[in-house]
N, C-alpha and C. Protein backbone atom coordinates (compact mmCIF):
# COMPACT_ATOMS: atom_id res chain seq x y z
N PRO A 1 50.30 6.18 -163.47
CA PRO A 1 49.42 6.02 -162.21
C PRO A 1 48.24 4.91 -162.25
N ASP A 2 47.85 4.52 -163.42
CA ASP A 2 46.80 3.49 -163.34
C ASP A 2 47.29 2.22 -163.62
N GLY A 3 48.71 1.95 -163.07
CA GLY A 3 49.25 0.60 -163.37
C GLY A 3 49.71 0.38 -164.82
N PRO A 4 50.23 -0.99 -165.02
CA PRO A 4 50.60 -1.07 -166.33
C PRO A 4 49.67 -1.03 -167.54
N ASN A 5 50.12 -0.77 -168.53
CA ASN A 5 49.24 -0.70 -169.82
C ASN A 5 49.08 -2.15 -170.15
N PRO A 6 47.98 -2.57 -170.70
CA PRO A 6 47.63 -4.02 -171.03
C PRO A 6 48.38 -3.99 -172.53
N PRO A 7 48.70 -5.20 -173.12
CA PRO A 7 49.10 -5.25 -174.55
C PRO A 7 48.04 -4.80 -175.31
N GLN A 8 48.38 -3.95 -176.27
CA GLN A 8 47.53 -3.24 -177.23
C GLN A 8 47.31 -4.08 -178.66
N PHE A 9 47.24 -5.40 -178.28
CA PHE A 9 47.10 -6.39 -179.52
C PHE A 9 45.69 -6.13 -180.33
N SER A 10 44.66 -5.60 -179.75
CA SER A 10 43.44 -5.35 -180.40
C SER A 10 43.55 -4.41 -181.48
N ALA A 11 44.62 -3.55 -181.63
CA ALA A 11 44.79 -2.70 -182.62
C ALA A 11 45.43 -3.31 -183.81
N LEU A 12 45.93 -4.63 -183.64
CA LEU A 12 46.52 -5.31 -184.86
C LEU A 12 45.63 -6.32 -185.46
N ASP A 13 45.93 -6.52 -186.72
CA ASP A 13 45.24 -7.57 -187.66
C ASP A 13 46.09 -7.93 -188.83
N PHE A 14 45.59 -8.62 -189.57
CA PHE A 14 46.20 -9.31 -190.72
C PHE A 14 46.76 -8.17 -191.61
N MET A 15 46.12 -6.91 -191.67
CA MET A 15 46.36 -6.08 -192.61
C MET A 15 47.53 -5.04 -192.06
N THR A 16 47.86 -5.16 -190.79
CA THR A 16 48.90 -4.47 -190.23
C THR A 16 50.26 -4.86 -191.01
N ARG A 17 50.93 -3.70 -191.47
CA ARG A 17 52.35 -3.89 -191.98
C ARG A 17 53.45 -3.61 -191.32
N VAL A 18 53.29 -2.66 -190.24
CA VAL A 18 54.35 -2.32 -189.52
C VAL A 18 53.86 -1.89 -188.22
N VAL A 19 54.80 -2.37 -187.17
CA VAL A 19 54.63 -2.06 -185.84
C VAL A 19 55.90 -1.46 -185.20
N THR A 20 55.84 -0.41 -184.66
CA THR A 20 56.96 0.22 -183.78
C THR A 20 56.64 0.23 -182.29
N LEU A 21 57.77 -0.03 -181.53
CA LEU A 21 57.40 0.10 -180.15
C LEU A 21 58.74 0.21 -179.28
N THR A 22 58.54 0.94 -178.11
CA THR A 22 59.62 0.72 -177.13
C THR A 22 58.92 0.13 -176.05
N ILE A 23 59.74 -0.58 -175.45
CA ILE A 23 59.25 -1.50 -174.12
C ILE A 23 60.26 -1.68 -173.25
N GLY A 24 59.93 -1.97 -172.12
CA GLY A 24 60.85 -2.45 -171.03
C GLY A 24 61.14 -1.49 -169.88
N GLY A 25 61.35 -0.13 -170.15
CA GLY A 25 61.57 0.75 -169.27
C GLY A 25 60.65 0.90 -168.06
N ASN A 26 59.29 1.03 -168.35
CA ASN A 26 58.39 0.86 -167.30
C ASN A 26 58.37 -0.42 -166.55
N ASP A 27 58.70 -1.43 -167.20
CA ASP A 27 58.54 -2.82 -166.67
C ASP A 27 59.85 -2.92 -165.51
N ILE A 28 61.03 -2.14 -165.88
CA ILE A 28 61.92 -2.28 -164.73
C ILE A 28 61.84 -1.23 -163.64
N GLY A 29 60.91 -0.33 -163.81
CA GLY A 29 60.61 0.86 -162.90
C GLY A 29 61.52 1.95 -163.26
N PHE A 30 61.56 2.46 -164.36
CA PHE A 30 62.27 3.62 -164.70
C PHE A 30 61.76 4.82 -163.88
N THR A 31 60.43 5.05 -163.51
CA THR A 31 60.11 6.26 -162.71
C THR A 31 60.67 6.00 -161.24
N SER A 32 60.51 4.89 -160.64
CA SER A 32 60.91 4.72 -159.32
C SER A 32 62.49 4.94 -159.30
N ILE A 33 63.00 4.33 -160.44
CA ILE A 33 64.64 4.38 -160.46
C ILE A 33 65.07 5.86 -160.36
N ALA A 34 64.59 6.66 -161.32
CA ALA A 34 64.86 8.07 -161.21
C ALA A 34 64.31 8.74 -159.93
N GLU A 35 63.33 8.51 -159.34
CA GLU A 35 63.13 8.99 -158.03
C GLU A 35 63.97 8.51 -156.96
N ASN A 36 64.41 7.27 -156.93
CA ASN A 36 65.31 6.63 -155.83
C ASN A 36 66.61 7.10 -156.07
N CYS A 37 67.07 7.45 -157.26
CA CYS A 37 68.48 7.82 -157.60
C CYS A 37 68.79 9.23 -157.61
N ALA A 38 67.74 10.18 -157.41
CA ALA A 38 67.80 11.50 -157.29
C ALA A 38 68.43 11.70 -155.96
N SER A 39 69.63 12.77 -155.97
CA SER A 39 70.23 12.73 -154.61
C SER A 39 70.13 14.47 -154.30
N THR A 40 70.27 14.66 -153.10
CA THR A 40 70.04 16.09 -152.67
C THR A 40 71.60 16.57 -152.55
N THR A 41 72.56 15.83 -152.71
CA THR A 41 73.95 16.28 -152.88
C THR A 41 74.74 15.45 -154.06
N PRO A 42 75.65 16.08 -154.38
CA PRO A 42 76.56 15.50 -155.63
C PRO A 42 77.56 14.44 -155.10
N LEU A 43 77.38 13.84 -154.02
CA LEU A 43 78.38 13.04 -153.39
C LEU A 43 78.06 11.52 -153.43
N GLY A 44 79.11 10.71 -153.57
CA GLY A 44 79.01 9.28 -153.33
C GLY A 44 78.35 8.58 -154.56
N THR A 45 77.78 7.35 -154.24
CA THR A 45 77.05 6.64 -155.23
C THR A 45 75.70 6.01 -154.55
N PRO A 46 74.81 6.87 -154.02
CA PRO A 46 73.65 6.39 -153.13
C PRO A 46 72.77 5.55 -154.20
N CYS A 47 72.78 5.75 -155.46
CA CYS A 47 71.77 4.89 -156.30
C CYS A 47 72.40 3.51 -156.33
N GLN A 48 73.70 3.38 -156.65
CA GLN A 48 74.29 2.06 -156.86
C GLN A 48 74.47 1.45 -155.44
N ASP A 49 74.54 2.12 -154.37
CA ASP A 49 74.51 1.56 -152.98
C ASP A 49 73.21 0.94 -152.79
N LYS A 50 72.06 1.64 -153.14
CA LYS A 50 70.60 1.01 -152.98
C LYS A 50 70.28 -0.26 -153.81
N TYR A 51 70.91 -0.13 -154.97
CA TYR A 51 70.43 -1.48 -155.94
C TYR A 51 71.54 -2.35 -155.99
N VAL A 52 72.83 -2.30 -155.62
CA VAL A 52 73.72 -3.37 -155.67
C VAL A 52 74.06 -3.69 -154.14
N VAL A 53 73.68 -4.75 -153.79
CA VAL A 53 74.00 -5.16 -152.32
C VAL A 53 74.56 -6.57 -152.34
N ASN A 54 75.65 -6.73 -151.59
CA ASN A 54 76.39 -7.97 -151.65
C ASN A 54 76.72 -8.63 -153.09
N GLY A 55 77.08 -7.62 -153.91
CA GLY A 55 77.34 -8.11 -155.24
C GLY A 55 76.27 -8.52 -156.20
N HIS A 56 74.96 -8.35 -155.61
CA HIS A 56 73.70 -8.59 -156.44
C HIS A 56 73.23 -7.31 -156.89
N ASP A 57 73.09 -7.10 -158.26
CA ASP A 57 72.45 -5.81 -158.67
C ASP A 57 70.96 -6.09 -159.11
N GLU A 58 70.11 -5.45 -158.33
CA GLU A 58 68.72 -5.61 -158.35
C GLU A 58 68.15 -5.22 -159.84
N LEU A 59 68.71 -4.06 -160.26
CA LEU A 59 68.28 -3.45 -161.57
C LEU A 59 68.61 -4.39 -162.68
N ARG A 60 69.84 -5.03 -162.76
CA ARG A 60 70.29 -5.98 -163.79
C ARG A 60 69.21 -7.16 -163.61
N GLN A 61 68.95 -7.57 -162.34
CA GLN A 61 68.07 -8.66 -162.23
C GLN A 61 66.73 -8.44 -162.86
N ARG A 62 66.22 -7.22 -162.73
CA ARG A 62 64.98 -6.81 -163.31
C ARG A 62 64.90 -6.90 -164.77
N ILE A 63 66.01 -6.47 -165.34
CA ILE A 63 66.29 -6.52 -166.70
C ILE A 63 66.05 -7.97 -167.24
N ALA A 64 66.95 -8.87 -166.64
CA ALA A 64 66.86 -10.25 -166.92
C ALA A 64 65.60 -10.90 -166.68
N ASP A 65 64.85 -10.39 -165.62
CA ASP A 65 63.46 -11.03 -165.25
C ASP A 65 62.42 -10.48 -166.57
N ASN A 66 62.83 -9.59 -167.11
CA ASN A 66 61.81 -8.94 -168.04
C ASN A 66 61.91 -9.47 -169.46
N ALA A 67 63.04 -10.05 -169.78
CA ALA A 67 63.37 -10.57 -171.17
C ALA A 67 62.24 -11.47 -171.54
N PRO A 68 61.80 -12.49 -170.92
CA PRO A 68 60.62 -13.22 -171.34
C PRO A 68 59.40 -12.46 -171.63
N LYS A 69 59.27 -11.31 -170.82
CA LYS A 69 57.94 -10.61 -171.26
C LYS A 69 58.06 -9.86 -172.50
N ILE A 70 59.35 -9.43 -172.76
CA ILE A 70 59.72 -8.74 -174.11
C ILE A 70 59.46 -9.58 -175.22
N ALA A 71 59.92 -10.98 -175.00
CA ALA A 71 59.80 -12.02 -176.05
C ALA A 71 58.27 -12.40 -176.20
N ALA A 72 57.39 -12.37 -175.19
CA ALA A 72 56.20 -12.73 -175.23
C ALA A 72 55.31 -11.59 -175.95
N THR A 73 55.67 -10.31 -175.80
CA THR A 73 55.02 -9.28 -176.46
C THR A 73 55.26 -9.44 -178.00
N LEU A 74 56.69 -9.61 -178.41
CA LEU A 74 56.91 -9.69 -179.75
C LEU A 74 56.45 -10.85 -180.35
N GLN A 75 56.17 -11.94 -179.52
CA GLN A 75 55.39 -13.26 -180.16
C GLN A 75 53.88 -12.95 -180.22
N GLY A 76 53.50 -12.13 -179.42
CA GLY A 76 51.97 -11.84 -179.64
C GLY A 76 51.76 -10.88 -180.74
N ILE A 77 52.62 -9.96 -180.99
CA ILE A 77 52.43 -8.98 -182.17
C ILE A 77 52.49 -9.91 -183.31
N HIS A 78 53.50 -10.88 -183.55
CA HIS A 78 53.46 -11.88 -184.67
C HIS A 78 52.17 -12.56 -184.79
N GLN A 79 51.52 -12.97 -183.72
CA GLN A 79 50.30 -13.68 -183.85
C GLN A 79 49.17 -12.93 -184.30
N HIS A 80 49.14 -11.67 -183.65
CA HIS A 80 47.98 -10.77 -184.11
C HIS A 80 48.19 -10.01 -185.44
N ALA A 81 49.40 -9.86 -185.86
CA ALA A 81 49.68 -9.14 -187.23
C ALA A 81 50.93 -9.91 -187.73
N PRO A 82 50.50 -11.16 -188.54
CA PRO A 82 51.57 -11.89 -189.06
C PRO A 82 52.24 -11.52 -190.10
N ARG A 83 51.83 -10.33 -190.93
CA ARG A 83 52.47 -9.83 -192.01
C ARG A 83 53.31 -8.70 -191.60
N ALA A 84 53.26 -8.14 -190.27
CA ALA A 84 53.91 -7.01 -189.86
C ALA A 84 55.38 -7.16 -189.78
N LYS A 85 55.96 -6.16 -190.23
CA LYS A 85 57.62 -5.93 -189.74
C LYS A 85 57.66 -5.28 -188.39
N ILE A 86 58.33 -5.79 -187.37
CA ILE A 86 58.34 -5.08 -186.03
C ILE A 86 59.52 -4.45 -186.02
N TYR A 87 59.59 -3.24 -185.53
CA TYR A 87 60.71 -2.33 -185.10
C TYR A 87 60.64 -2.00 -183.64
N ILE A 88 61.56 -2.46 -182.98
CA ILE A 88 61.61 -2.24 -181.49
C ILE A 88 62.78 -1.22 -181.14
N LEU A 89 62.47 0.02 -180.46
CA LEU A 89 63.44 1.04 -180.42
C LEU A 89 64.20 0.79 -179.13
N ALA A 90 65.47 1.27 -179.20
CA ALA A 90 66.37 1.40 -177.81
C ALA A 90 65.91 2.51 -177.18
N TYR A 91 66.22 2.67 -175.86
CA TYR A 91 65.88 3.90 -175.25
C TYR A 91 67.04 4.80 -175.49
N GLU A 92 66.58 6.08 -175.71
CA GLU A 92 67.59 7.23 -176.24
C GLU A 92 68.49 7.45 -174.92
N ALA A 93 69.78 8.06 -175.14
CA ALA A 93 70.64 8.36 -174.27
C ALA A 93 70.10 9.24 -173.11
N ILE A 94 69.98 9.04 -171.88
CA ILE A 94 69.57 10.07 -170.98
C ILE A 94 70.57 10.84 -170.29
N LEU A 95 71.57 10.11 -170.11
CA LEU A 95 72.88 10.75 -169.36
C LEU A 95 73.92 10.90 -170.41
N PRO A 96 74.82 11.82 -170.26
CA PRO A 96 75.96 12.00 -171.34
C PRO A 96 76.84 10.52 -171.21
N GLU A 97 77.40 10.47 -172.52
CA GLU A 97 78.41 9.41 -172.70
C GLU A 97 79.53 9.36 -171.77
N GLY A 98 79.90 10.40 -171.32
CA GLY A 98 81.24 10.62 -170.39
C GLY A 98 81.49 12.00 -170.19
N PRO A 99 82.44 12.27 -169.45
CA PRO A 99 82.85 13.55 -169.29
C PRO A 99 83.63 14.24 -170.65
N LEU A 100 83.38 15.42 -170.84
CA LEU A 100 83.70 16.04 -172.22
C LEU A 100 85.21 16.21 -172.22
N VAL A 101 85.74 16.60 -171.07
CA VAL A 101 87.23 16.88 -170.96
C VAL A 101 87.74 15.95 -169.67
N ALA A 102 89.04 15.69 -169.74
CA ALA A 102 89.68 14.99 -168.64
C ALA A 102 89.49 15.82 -167.26
N GLY A 103 88.95 15.05 -166.26
CA GLY A 103 88.85 15.86 -164.88
C GLY A 103 87.48 16.42 -164.86
N ALA A 104 86.80 16.29 -165.89
CA ALA A 104 85.45 16.84 -165.89
C ALA A 104 84.37 15.93 -164.95
N VAL A 105 83.49 16.18 -164.50
CA VAL A 105 82.32 15.59 -163.73
C VAL A 105 81.57 14.81 -164.65
N GLU A 106 81.19 13.72 -164.25
CA GLU A 106 80.15 12.91 -164.85
C GLU A 106 78.78 13.55 -164.83
N GLY A 107 77.83 13.53 -165.88
CA GLY A 107 76.55 14.07 -165.78
C GLY A 107 76.41 15.60 -165.60
N CYS A 108 75.38 16.01 -165.09
CA CYS A 108 75.18 17.40 -165.05
C CYS A 108 74.25 17.77 -163.84
N TYR A 109 74.73 17.36 -162.61
CA TYR A 109 74.15 17.65 -161.50
C TYR A 109 74.01 19.13 -161.28
N PRO A 110 72.77 19.79 -160.98
CA PRO A 110 71.56 19.15 -160.31
C PRO A 110 70.60 19.17 -161.44
N GLN A 111 70.78 19.45 -162.69
CA GLN A 111 69.78 19.39 -163.82
C GLN A 111 69.30 18.00 -163.83
N MET A 112 70.10 17.08 -163.83
CA MET A 112 69.90 15.60 -163.51
C MET A 112 70.52 15.16 -162.30
N PRO A 113 69.70 15.16 -161.25
CA PRO A 113 70.16 15.04 -159.83
C PRO A 113 70.66 13.76 -159.42
N MET A 114 71.42 13.12 -160.30
CA MET A 114 72.27 11.91 -160.02
C MET A 114 73.65 12.24 -159.80
N THR A 115 74.21 11.65 -158.66
CA THR A 115 75.53 12.04 -158.39
C THR A 115 76.52 11.76 -159.53
N PRO A 116 77.70 12.42 -159.65
CA PRO A 116 78.77 12.01 -160.66
C PRO A 116 79.14 10.61 -160.54
N GLY A 117 79.01 10.37 -159.38
CA GLY A 117 79.59 8.73 -159.09
C GLY A 117 78.51 7.83 -159.63
N ASP A 118 77.26 7.98 -159.61
CA ASP A 118 76.37 7.25 -160.14
C ASP A 118 75.97 7.17 -161.55
N VAL A 119 76.46 8.19 -162.18
CA VAL A 119 76.23 8.50 -163.60
C VAL A 119 76.77 7.18 -164.55
N PRO A 120 78.00 6.72 -164.13
CA PRO A 120 78.31 5.46 -165.07
C PRO A 120 77.57 4.40 -164.62
N TYR A 121 77.20 4.10 -163.53
CA TYR A 121 76.28 2.92 -163.19
C TYR A 121 74.92 2.98 -163.91
N LEU A 122 74.35 4.20 -163.83
CA LEU A 122 72.89 4.36 -164.33
C LEU A 122 73.12 4.22 -166.07
N ARG A 123 74.23 4.74 -166.47
CA ARG A 123 74.39 4.67 -168.03
C ARG A 123 74.50 3.15 -168.44
N GLY A 124 75.16 2.44 -167.53
CA GLY A 124 75.48 1.05 -167.74
C GLY A 124 74.05 0.17 -167.56
N ILE A 125 73.16 0.65 -166.83
CA ILE A 125 71.89 0.01 -166.60
C ILE A 125 71.15 0.18 -167.84
N GLN A 126 71.14 1.51 -168.28
CA GLN A 126 70.42 1.81 -169.68
C GLN A 126 70.99 0.85 -170.81
N LYS A 127 72.32 0.73 -170.77
CA LYS A 127 72.66 0.03 -171.95
C LYS A 127 72.57 -1.48 -171.84
N ALA A 128 72.51 -1.88 -170.53
CA ALA A 128 72.07 -3.30 -170.39
C ALA A 128 70.50 -3.53 -170.73
N LEU A 129 69.75 -2.70 -170.40
CA LEU A 129 68.40 -2.82 -170.90
C LEU A 129 68.33 -2.85 -172.37
N ASN A 130 69.09 -1.99 -173.06
CA ASN A 130 69.01 -1.81 -174.46
C ASN A 130 69.53 -2.96 -175.13
N GLU A 131 70.53 -3.59 -174.49
CA GLU A 131 71.05 -4.82 -175.03
C GLU A 131 70.15 -6.14 -174.82
N MET A 132 69.41 -6.11 -173.75
CA MET A 132 68.35 -7.12 -173.65
C MET A 132 67.22 -7.09 -174.67
N ILE A 133 67.02 -5.82 -174.84
CA ILE A 133 65.99 -5.49 -175.97
C ILE A 133 66.34 -6.12 -177.24
N ALA A 134 67.76 -5.68 -177.61
CA ALA A 134 68.29 -6.09 -178.92
C ALA A 134 68.35 -7.68 -179.06
N GLN A 135 68.64 -8.29 -177.92
CA GLN A 135 68.71 -9.84 -177.81
C GLN A 135 67.29 -10.45 -178.19
N GLN A 136 66.22 -9.78 -177.54
CA GLN A 136 64.97 -10.22 -177.62
C GLN A 136 64.29 -9.99 -179.29
N ALA A 137 64.82 -8.84 -179.61
CA ALA A 137 64.40 -8.49 -181.05
C ALA A 137 65.04 -9.64 -181.95
N ALA A 138 66.38 -9.83 -181.79
CA ALA A 138 66.90 -10.84 -182.87
C ALA A 138 66.36 -12.29 -182.62
N ALA A 139 66.10 -12.62 -181.29
CA ALA A 139 65.41 -13.84 -181.05
C ALA A 139 64.02 -14.13 -181.51
N ASN A 140 63.31 -12.91 -181.93
CA ASN A 140 61.81 -12.88 -181.94
C ASN A 140 61.43 -12.21 -183.26
N ASP A 141 62.20 -12.33 -184.47
CA ASP A 141 61.95 -11.80 -185.57
C ASP A 141 61.69 -10.42 -185.70
N ALA A 142 62.37 -9.53 -184.85
CA ALA A 142 61.95 -8.13 -185.00
C ALA A 142 63.39 -7.28 -185.28
N THR A 143 63.17 -6.19 -185.65
CA THR A 143 64.31 -5.38 -185.99
C THR A 143 64.75 -4.44 -184.99
N PHE A 144 65.87 -4.30 -184.30
CA PHE A 144 66.30 -3.58 -183.21
C PHE A 144 66.81 -2.31 -183.92
N VAL A 145 66.16 -1.05 -183.38
CA VAL A 145 66.65 0.18 -183.92
C VAL A 145 67.46 0.86 -182.80
N ASP A 146 68.78 1.01 -183.11
CA ASP A 146 69.65 1.61 -182.16
C ASP A 146 69.53 3.12 -181.97
N THR A 147 68.46 3.54 -181.28
CA THR A 147 68.24 5.09 -181.24
C THR A 147 69.24 5.48 -180.09
N TYR A 148 69.86 4.63 -179.05
CA TYR A 148 70.68 5.08 -178.20
C TYR A 148 71.93 5.61 -178.84
N ALA A 149 72.57 4.94 -179.74
CA ALA A 149 73.78 5.45 -180.56
C ALA A 149 73.56 6.78 -181.16
N ALA A 150 72.28 6.79 -181.71
CA ALA A 150 71.85 8.05 -182.56
C ALA A 150 71.77 9.19 -181.62
N SER A 151 71.33 9.07 -180.52
CA SER A 151 71.16 10.17 -179.48
C SER A 151 72.32 10.52 -178.63
N ILE A 152 73.49 10.01 -178.67
CA ILE A 152 74.61 10.41 -177.98
C ILE A 152 74.97 11.85 -178.37
N GLY A 153 75.07 12.65 -177.24
CA GLY A 153 75.18 14.19 -177.62
C GLY A 153 73.94 14.81 -177.49
N HIS A 154 72.86 14.05 -177.37
CA HIS A 154 71.49 14.67 -177.35
C HIS A 154 70.70 14.44 -176.06
N ASP A 155 71.60 14.03 -175.00
CA ASP A 155 71.09 13.61 -173.81
C ASP A 155 70.35 14.82 -172.88
N ALA A 156 69.77 14.45 -171.84
CA ALA A 156 69.06 15.45 -171.02
C ALA A 156 69.96 16.51 -170.46
N CYS A 157 71.34 16.29 -170.59
CA CYS A 157 72.24 17.32 -169.89
C CYS A 157 72.58 18.44 -171.07
N GLN A 158 72.08 18.23 -172.21
CA GLN A 158 72.31 19.37 -173.34
C GLN A 158 71.43 20.38 -173.21
N ILE A 159 71.83 21.59 -173.98
CA ILE A 159 70.81 22.65 -173.92
C ILE A 159 69.46 22.25 -174.49
N PRO A 160 68.38 22.99 -174.41
CA PRO A 160 67.18 22.61 -175.03
C PRO A 160 67.25 22.50 -176.45
N THR A 161 67.82 23.12 -177.17
CA THR A 161 68.00 23.21 -178.85
C THR A 161 68.56 21.94 -179.15
N VAL A 162 69.22 21.10 -178.29
CA VAL A 162 70.17 20.17 -178.72
C VAL A 162 69.53 18.63 -178.22
N ARG A 163 68.99 18.81 -176.97
CA ARG A 163 68.81 17.47 -176.33
C ARG A 163 67.57 16.87 -177.06
N TRP A 164 67.33 15.56 -176.92
CA TRP A 164 66.42 14.89 -177.44
C TRP A 164 65.74 14.10 -176.24
N VAL A 165 66.19 14.30 -175.02
CA VAL A 165 65.54 13.71 -173.78
C VAL A 165 65.28 14.88 -172.77
N GLU A 166 64.26 15.02 -172.15
CA GLU A 166 64.23 16.16 -171.19
C GLU A 166 64.63 15.81 -169.76
N PRO A 167 65.35 16.76 -169.20
CA PRO A 167 65.87 16.38 -167.77
C PRO A 167 64.67 16.18 -166.69
N VAL A 168 64.93 16.03 -165.47
CA VAL A 168 64.02 15.85 -164.46
C VAL A 168 62.89 17.09 -164.50
N VAL A 169 63.19 18.27 -164.59
CA VAL A 169 62.38 19.51 -164.97
C VAL A 169 62.39 19.74 -166.34
N PRO A 170 61.39 19.50 -167.09
CA PRO A 170 61.53 19.69 -168.67
C PRO A 170 61.42 21.12 -168.95
N ALA A 171 62.05 21.50 -169.95
CA ALA A 171 61.93 22.88 -170.71
C ALA A 171 61.09 22.81 -171.78
N ALA A 172 60.64 21.63 -172.24
CA ALA A 172 59.79 21.49 -173.40
C ALA A 172 58.62 20.51 -173.02
N PRO A 173 57.60 20.50 -173.81
CA PRO A 173 56.23 19.72 -173.56
C PRO A 173 56.70 18.19 -173.79
N ALA A 174 57.14 17.68 -172.56
CA ALA A 174 57.45 16.24 -172.62
C ALA A 174 57.60 16.06 -171.11
N ALA A 175 57.31 14.50 -170.99
CA ALA A 175 57.44 14.06 -169.56
C ALA A 175 58.76 14.07 -169.03
N PRO A 176 59.13 14.18 -167.72
CA PRO A 176 60.60 14.35 -167.25
C PRO A 176 61.30 12.87 -167.67
N VAL A 177 62.42 13.06 -168.18
CA VAL A 177 63.32 12.00 -168.59
C VAL A 177 62.68 11.15 -169.60
N HIS A 178 62.03 11.88 -170.43
CA HIS A 178 61.34 11.13 -171.73
C HIS A 178 61.85 11.95 -172.95
N PRO A 179 61.58 11.39 -174.05
CA PRO A 179 61.99 12.16 -175.20
C PRO A 179 61.00 13.33 -175.53
N ASN A 180 61.77 14.34 -176.08
CA ASN A 180 60.80 15.51 -176.43
C ASN A 180 60.59 15.40 -177.76
N GLN A 181 60.16 16.54 -178.55
CA GLN A 181 59.75 16.61 -179.87
C GLN A 181 60.87 16.19 -180.82
N LEU A 182 62.14 16.68 -180.54
CA LEU A 182 63.55 16.42 -181.25
C LEU A 182 63.83 14.85 -181.06
N GLY A 183 63.59 14.31 -180.13
CA GLY A 183 63.86 13.07 -179.69
C GLY A 183 62.74 12.05 -180.53
N MET A 184 61.64 12.63 -180.43
CA MET A 184 60.60 11.73 -181.28
C MET A 184 60.85 11.65 -182.71
N THR A 185 61.29 12.89 -183.09
CA THR A 185 61.46 13.10 -184.56
C THR A 185 62.82 12.22 -184.98
């Protein structure tokens, strides 16, 4: 609610040996995307229809536009903590990787109120964000940690004892559509 967080470089110095971070989701507007893509009915592709107009995908453009910011952040960490090893984490799977059985519907509407038609699109956006982060890590001497792959099967559609990401209405102490304690661990 207070706007973007400034870089936290003041916490870094020559003695810093390890820096871990996730970055990029807020920059592309994860919260507004979740709000804009919530649907009152499980029909159609309202999210994709909103963000893809005349073949131009606004969300993929946001991802591309943020790549230089990720690079600048990693370079800033190196400048402030030249001896540190940097680990940049992927975003964990929010939506299930696909239907469990042939003919099943995508997602878990209304627990995650994205239409089954929008689930593949949103999953693709998350993968594109993670891919951009991986590319920036490789180009800026950081290690990309693929928490997405590890979290498949632990998405927000799973039961509370299995999921690592909370749905829109959390059942655990975590922000909506954010990692819970299992996801953080």
